[in-house]
Amino acid sequence: MSTTRVATLTRAVWTEALGIEVDESTDFFLGGGHSFLAIDIVARLGDELGVEIPLRALFDQPVLGEFTAVVEQIVQSGPAA
């Protein structure tokens, strides 16, 4: 499991939102996630990290490790305009 700030935060947000322990292979939707939780997760992560995370990112990459990689790329690209 990646130990970057983004990875740690993303894992914590998913754990809280889904109410289960998650790891890099956890699929958001198979773990009980749905569209309203997805909206909450991307909003919380975006606020915490100071970037805009498209909701589509979670739908396109529903596995925690893959979603985290996308979020890390967004963070490296810089803050939202």
N, C-alpha and C. Protein backbone atom coordinates (compact mmCIF):
# COMPACT_ATOMS: atom_id res chain seq x y z
N MET A 1 0.85 -1.19 0.00
CA MET A 1 0.00 0.00 0.00
C MET A 1 0.88 1.24 0.00
N SER A 2 0.55 2.15 -0.86
CA SER A 2 1.28 3.40 -0.92
C SER A 2 1.10 4.18 0.37
N THR A 3 2.14 4.89 0.79
CA THR A 3 2.05 5.61 2.06
C THR A 3 2.12 7.13 1.86
N THR A 4 1.83 7.60 0.66
CA THR A 4 1.82 9.04 0.45
C THR A 4 0.66 9.66 1.21
N ARG A 5 0.73 10.97 1.39
CA ARG A 5 -0.36 11.69 2.05
C ARG A 5 -1.69 11.45 1.33
N VAL A 6 -1.64 11.51 0.00
CA VAL A 6 -2.85 11.30 -0.80
C VAL A 6 -3.40 9.89 -0.57
N ALA A 7 -2.53 8.89 -0.60
CA ALA A 7 -2.97 7.51 -0.40
C ALA A 7 -3.56 7.31 0.99
N THR A 8 -2.91 7.85 2.00
CA THR A 8 -3.39 7.73 3.37
C THR A 8 -4.75 8.40 3.54
N LEU A 9 -4.89 9.60 3.00
CA LEU A 9 -6.14 10.33 3.10
C LEU A 9 -7.25 9.63 2.33
N THR A 10 -6.95 9.19 1.11
CA THR A 10 -7.96 8.51 0.29
C THR A 10 -8.45 7.25 0.98
N ARG A 11 -7.53 6.48 1.51
CA ARG A 11 -7.92 5.26 2.21
C ARG A 11 -8.79 5.57 3.43
N ALA A 12 -8.45 6.59 4.17
CA ALA A 12 -9.24 6.97 5.35
C ALA A 12 -10.65 7.42 4.96
N VAL A 13 -10.75 8.20 3.91
CA VAL A 13 -12.06 8.69 3.46
C VAL A 13 -12.92 7.52 2.98
N TRP A 14 -12.34 6.61 2.21
CA TRP A 14 -13.09 5.44 1.74
C TRP A 14 -13.53 4.58 2.93
N THR A 15 -12.62 4.34 3.89
CA THR A 15 -12.94 3.52 5.06
C THR A 15 -14.12 4.11 5.81
N GLU A 16 -14.09 5.42 6.02
CA GLU A 16 -15.19 6.08 6.74
C GLU A 16 -16.49 6.04 5.94
N ALA A 17 -16.41 6.35 4.66
CA ALA A 17 -17.62 6.40 3.83
C ALA A 17 -18.27 5.03 3.65
N LEU A 18 -17.44 4.01 3.42
CA LEU A 18 -17.98 2.67 3.18
C LEU A 18 -18.26 1.90 4.47
N GLY A 19 -17.63 2.31 5.56
CA GLY A 19 -17.84 1.63 6.83
C GLY A 19 -17.18 0.26 6.89
N ILE A 20 -16.15 0.06 6.05
CA ILE A 20 -15.39 -1.20 6.04
C ILE A 20 -13.91 -0.87 5.97
N GLU A 21 -13.09 -1.84 6.33
CA GLU A 21 -11.65 -1.68 6.16
C GLU A 21 -11.34 -1.90 4.68
N VAL A 22 -10.56 -1.01 4.09
CA VAL A 22 -10.26 -1.10 2.66
C VAL A 22 -8.77 -1.27 2.45
N ASP A 23 -8.41 -1.78 1.26
CA ASP A 23 -7.02 -1.84 0.85
C ASP A 23 -6.97 -1.46 -0.63
N GLU A 24 -5.80 -1.52 -1.22
CA GLU A 24 -5.62 -1.05 -2.60
C GLU A 24 -6.50 -1.78 -3.60
N SER A 25 -6.92 -3.00 -3.28
CA SER A 25 -7.72 -3.80 -4.22
C SER A 25 -9.22 -3.66 -4.00
N THR A 26 -9.63 -2.84 -3.03
CA THR A 26 -11.05 -2.68 -2.75
C THR A 26 -11.75 -1.95 -3.89
N ASP A 27 -12.83 -2.54 -4.38
CA ASP A 27 -13.67 -1.92 -5.39
C ASP A 27 -14.75 -1.11 -4.68
N PHE A 28 -14.84 0.16 -4.98
CA PHE A 28 -15.78 1.06 -4.33
C PHE A 28 -17.21 0.54 -4.38
N PHE A 29 -17.63 0.11 -5.54
CA PHE A 29 -19.03 -0.31 -5.71
C PHE A 29 -19.29 -1.68 -5.09
N LEU A 30 -18.34 -2.60 -5.19
CA LEU A 30 -18.50 -3.91 -4.55
C LEU A 30 -18.43 -3.79 -3.02
N GLY A 31 -17.79 -2.72 -2.55
CA GLY A 31 -17.71 -2.47 -1.11
C GLY A 31 -18.93 -1.77 -0.55
N GLY A 32 -19.93 -1.54 -1.38
CA GLY A 32 -21.17 -0.90 -0.91
C GLY A 32 -21.32 0.53 -1.35
N GLY A 33 -20.39 1.04 -2.14
CA GLY A 33 -20.46 2.43 -2.59
C GLY A 33 -21.55 2.65 -3.63
N HIS A 34 -22.04 3.87 -3.67
CA HIS A 34 -23.06 4.27 -4.64
C HIS A 34 -22.81 5.72 -5.02
N SER A 35 -23.61 6.24 -5.93
CA SER A 35 -23.34 7.56 -6.49
C SER A 35 -23.31 8.67 -5.45
N PHE A 36 -24.18 8.62 -4.45
CA PHE A 36 -24.18 9.69 -3.44
C PHE A 36 -22.91 9.66 -2.59
N LEU A 37 -22.43 8.45 -2.27
CA LEU A 37 -21.16 8.35 -1.54
C LEU A 37 -20.01 8.81 -2.42
N ALA A 38 -20.07 8.51 -3.71
CA ALA A 38 -19.02 8.94 -4.63
C ALA A 38 -18.91 10.46 -4.64
N ILE A 39 -20.05 11.13 -4.70
CA ILE A 39 -20.07 12.60 -4.68
C ILE A 39 -19.43 13.11 -3.40
N ASP A 40 -19.78 12.52 -2.28
CA ASP A 40 -19.22 12.93 -0.99
C ASP A 40 -17.70 12.71 -0.95
N ILE A 41 -17.26 11.57 -1.43
CA ILE A 41 -15.83 11.25 -1.40
C ILE A 41 -15.02 12.22 -2.24
N VAL A 42 -15.43 12.47 -3.48
CA VAL A 42 -14.63 13.37 -4.32
C VAL A 42 -14.66 14.80 -3.78
N ALA A 43 -15.79 15.21 -3.19
CA ALA A 43 -15.87 16.55 -2.61
C ALA A 43 -14.95 16.66 -1.39
N ARG A 44 -14.98 15.67 -0.51
CA ARG A 44 -14.14 15.70 0.69
C ARG A 44 -12.66 15.67 0.34
N LEU A 45 -12.29 14.80 -0.58
CA LEU A 45 -10.88 14.72 -0.98
C LEU A 45 -10.45 16.01 -1.67
N GLY A 46 -11.29 16.54 -2.54
CA GLY A 46 -10.95 17.78 -3.23
C GLY A 46 -10.74 18.93 -2.26
N ASP A 47 -11.64 19.04 -1.27
CA ASP A 47 -11.51 20.10 -0.26
C ASP A 47 -10.22 19.93 0.54
N GLU A 48 -9.97 18.72 0.96
CA GLU A 48 -8.79 18.44 1.79
C GLU A 48 -7.48 18.66 1.04
N LEU A 49 -7.47 18.31 -0.24
CA LEU A 49 -6.24 18.39 -1.04
C LEU A 49 -6.11 19.68 -1.83
N GLY A 50 -7.18 20.48 -1.87
CA GLY A 50 -7.13 21.76 -2.58
C GLY A 50 -7.14 21.63 -4.09
N VAL A 51 -7.78 20.57 -4.59
CA VAL A 51 -7.88 20.35 -6.03
C VAL A 51 -9.32 19.96 -6.37
N GLU A 52 -9.62 20.02 -7.67
CA GLU A 52 -10.93 19.56 -8.13
C GLU A 52 -10.76 18.16 -8.71
N ILE A 53 -11.47 17.21 -8.12
CA ILE A 53 -11.42 15.83 -8.57
C ILE A 53 -12.73 15.54 -9.30
N PRO A 54 -12.66 15.21 -10.57
CA PRO A 54 -13.89 14.92 -11.30
C PRO A 54 -14.58 13.67 -10.76
N LEU A 55 -15.88 13.74 -10.62
CA LEU A 55 -16.64 12.58 -10.16
C LEU A 55 -16.38 11.38 -11.07
N ARG A 56 -16.22 11.65 -12.34
CA ARG A 56 -15.97 10.58 -13.33
C ARG A 56 -14.74 9.75 -12.95
N ALA A 57 -13.77 10.36 -12.27
CA ALA A 57 -12.55 9.63 -11.89
C ALA A 57 -12.87 8.41 -11.04
N LEU A 58 -13.83 8.54 -10.13
CA LEU A 58 -14.18 7.41 -9.27
C LEU A 58 -14.97 6.36 -10.04
N PHE A 59 -15.82 6.79 -10.96
CA PHE A 59 -16.57 5.83 -11.76
C PHE A 59 -15.66 5.09 -12.74
N ASP A 60 -14.67 5.79 -13.29
CA ASP A 60 -13.74 5.17 -14.23
C ASP A 60 -12.70 4.28 -13.55
N GLN A 61 -12.35 4.62 -12.32
CA GLN A 61 -11.33 3.89 -11.56
C GLN A 61 -11.88 3.54 -10.17
N PRO A 62 -12.79 2.57 -10.08
CA PRO A 62 -13.43 2.28 -8.80
C PRO A 62 -12.60 1.48 -7.80
N VAL A 63 -11.42 1.03 -8.21
CA VAL A 63 -10.54 0.28 -7.30
C VAL A 63 -9.64 1.29 -6.58
N LEU A 64 -9.53 1.17 -5.28
CA LEU A 64 -8.83 2.18 -4.47
C LEU A 64 -7.44 2.51 -5.00
N GLY A 65 -6.63 1.52 -5.29
CA GLY A 65 -5.26 1.79 -5.75
C GLY A 65 -5.24 2.57 -7.05
N GLU A 66 -6.12 2.24 -7.97
CA GLU A 66 -6.19 2.94 -9.25
C GLU A 66 -6.74 4.35 -9.09
N PHE A 67 -7.76 4.50 -8.26
CA PHE A 67 -8.32 5.83 -8.00
C PHE A 67 -7.29 6.72 -7.33
N THR A 68 -6.56 6.16 -6.37
CA THR A 68 -5.53 6.92 -5.67
C THR A 68 -4.48 7.44 -6.65
N ALA A 69 -4.08 6.61 -7.62
CA ALA A 69 -3.10 7.03 -8.62
C ALA A 69 -3.62 8.22 -9.42
N VAL A 70 -4.89 8.20 -9.77
CA VAL A 70 -5.50 9.31 -10.51
C VAL A 70 -5.49 10.57 -9.65
N VAL A 71 -5.87 10.44 -8.40
CA VAL A 71 -5.90 11.59 -7.50
C VAL A 71 -4.49 12.15 -7.32
N GLU A 72 -3.50 11.29 -7.19
CA GLU A 72 -2.11 11.76 -7.05
C GLU A 72 -1.69 12.55 -8.29
N GLN A 73 -2.10 12.11 -9.46
CA GLN A 73 -1.78 12.85 -10.70
C GLN A 73 -2.44 14.22 -10.70
N ILE A 74 -3.68 14.29 -10.24
CA ILE A 74 -4.41 15.55 -10.17
C ILE A 74 -3.71 16.50 -9.20
N VAL A 75 -3.31 16.00 -8.05
CA VAL A 75 -2.62 16.81 -7.05
C VAL A 75 -1.30 17.33 -7.60
N GLN A 76 -0.55 16.49 -8.30
CA GLN A 76 0.73 16.92 -8.88
C GLN A 76 0.54 17.98 -9.96
N SER A 77 -0.62 17.97 -10.61
CA SER A 77 -0.91 18.95 -11.66
C SER A 77 -1.17 20.34 -11.10
N GLY A 78 -1.52 20.42 -9.82
CA GLY A 78 -1.71 21.71 -9.19
C GLY A 78 -3.13 21.96 -8.74
N PRO A 79 -3.33 23.02 -7.99
CA PRO A 79 -4.65 23.34 -7.44
C PRO A 79 -5.65 23.73 -8.52
N ALA A 80 -6.91 23.61 -8.14
CA ALA A 80 -8.00 24.00 -9.04
C ALA A 80 -7.95 25.49 -9.30
N ALA A 81 -8.38 25.89 -10.45
CA ALA A 81 -8.38 27.32 -10.81
C ALA A 81 -9.46 28.07 -10.10
